[in-house]
Protein backbone atom coordinates (compact mmCIF):
# COMPACT_ATOMS: atom_id res chain seq x y z
CA MET A 1 0.00 0.00 0.00
CA SER A 2 1.27 3.42 -0.84
CA LYS A 3 1.01 6.22 1.66
CA ARG A 4 -0.35 9.59 0.57
CA LYS A 5 2.29 12.18 0.00
CA GLN A 6 2.18 15.23 2.25
CA HIS A 7 3.12 18.51 0.56
CA SER A 8 4.27 21.59 2.41
CA PRO A 9 2.26 24.81 2.19
CA GLU A 10 5.21 26.44 0.42
CA PHE A 11 5.19 23.76 -2.28
CA LYS A 12 1.43 24.09 -2.75
CA ALA A 13 1.71 27.87 -3.05
CA LYS A 14 4.53 27.54 -5.58
CA VAL A 15 2.53 25.14 -7.75
CA ALA A 16 -0.65 27.23 -7.47
CA LEU A 17 1.22 30.40 -8.46
CA GLU A 18 2.71 28.63 -11.46
CA ALA A 19 -0.81 27.56 -12.44
CA LEU A 20 -2.06 31.13 -12.08
CA LYS A 21 0.67 32.41 -14.37
CA GLY A 22 -0.78 30.35 -17.19
CA GLU A 23 2.57 29.88 -18.92
CA GLN A 24 2.18 26.09 -18.84
CA THR A 25 -0.84 23.82 -18.93
CA VAL A 26 -2.02 22.10 -15.78
CA ALA A 27 -0.98 18.77 -17.31
CA ASP A 28 2.55 20.08 -17.86
CA LEU A 29 2.70 21.38 -14.30
CA ALA A 30 1.39 18.07 -12.98
CA SER A 31 4.13 16.11 -14.70
CA ARG A 32 6.78 18.70 -13.75
CA PHE A 33 5.89 18.72 -10.03
CA GLY A 34 4.71 15.12 -9.79
CA VAL A 35 1.17 15.80 -8.57
CA HIS A 36 -2.28 15.09 -9.94
CA PRO A 37 -3.90 17.85 -12.03
CA THR A 38 -6.93 17.84 -9.72
CA MET A 39 -4.68 18.81 -6.82
CA ILE A 40 -3.31 21.73 -8.80
CA HIS A 41 -6.84 22.95 -9.49
CA THR A 42 -7.70 22.59 -5.80
CA TRP A 43 -4.62 24.48 -4.65
CA LYS A 44 -5.19 27.19 -7.24
CA ARG A 45 -8.81 27.64 -6.07
CA ALA A 46 -7.69 27.75 -2.41
CA LEU A 47 -5.08 30.37 -3.26
CA LEU A 48 -7.60 32.55 -5.03
CA GLU A 49 -10.14 32.23 -2.22
CA GLY A 50 -7.59 32.96 0.51
CA ALA A 51 -5.75 35.75 -1.27
CA SER A 52 -7.95 38.47 0.25
CA GLY A 53 -6.86 37.36 3.73
CA VAL A 54 -3.33 38.52 2.98
CA PHE A 55 -4.48 42.12 2.89
CA GLU A 56 -6.69 42.08 5.99
CA ARG A 57 -5.57 44.10 8.96
CA GLY A 58 -5.78 43.22 12.60
CA ASP A 59 -5.20 39.48 12.49
CA ARG A 60 -1.51 39.68 13.29
CA LYS A 61 -1.99 42.23 16.04
CA ALA A 62 -4.55 39.97 17.69
CA SER A 63 -2.08 37.09 17.77
CA GLU A 64 0.66 39.34 19.16
CA ILE A 65 -1.67 40.49 21.91
CA ASP A 66 -2.45 36.89 22.74
CA GLU A 67 1.27 36.09 23.02
CA GLU A 68 1.84 39.14 25.21
CA GLN A 69 -1.11 38.23 27.42
CA ALA A 70 0.19 34.68 27.68
CA ARG A 71 3.59 35.94 28.86
CA GLU A 72 1.94 38.18 31.47
CA LEU A 73 -0.27 35.36 32.68
CA HIS A 74 2.68 32.96 32.94
CA ALA A 75 4.55 35.56 34.99
CA LYS A 76 1.53 36.01 37.27
CA ILE A 77 1.20 32.23 37.69
CA GLY A 78 4.85 32.08 38.69
CA GLU A 79 4.40 34.85 41.26
CA LEU A 80 1.33 33.17 42.72
CA ALA A 81 3.05 29.80 42.88
CA VAL A 82 5.98 31.31 44.80
CA ALA A 83 3.61 33.12 47.17
CA ASN A 84 1.56 29.96 47.69
CA ASP A 85 4.68 27.93 48.45
CA PHE A 86 5.95 30.59 50.87
CA LEU A 87 2.65 30.80 52.73
CA SER A 88 2.26 27.03 52.95
CA ARG A 89 5.73 26.74 54.53
CA LYS A 90 5.01 29.55 56.99
CA LEU A 91 1.62 28.10 58.02
CA LYS A 92 2.94 24.59 58.76
CA PRO A 93 3.64 25.34 62.46
CA TRP A 94 0.03 26.47 62.99
CA THR A 95 -1.68 23.68 61.04
CA GLY A 96 0.38 20.86 62.46
CA THR A 97 0.94 19.10 59.10
């Protein structure tokens, strides 16, 4: 049994861009890159549908904010863990455990 070949996003974009150029037929591109013509059509369609997302604003800033918030929350968790450990050690004489 043959296993399906996994192609990287960069490879798919390269093939789809070549198909968009129209300098070669899809059959030529399929034999050149070793993929089925249907896959080239699928990748080309996906590229055209997702191209508008390249020019949208705000998506990257949202992810940067999430990373910054994650760093702040990790720092806060660390502070609380240290405080919790400190208090549990200081309360041992009074709790008897």
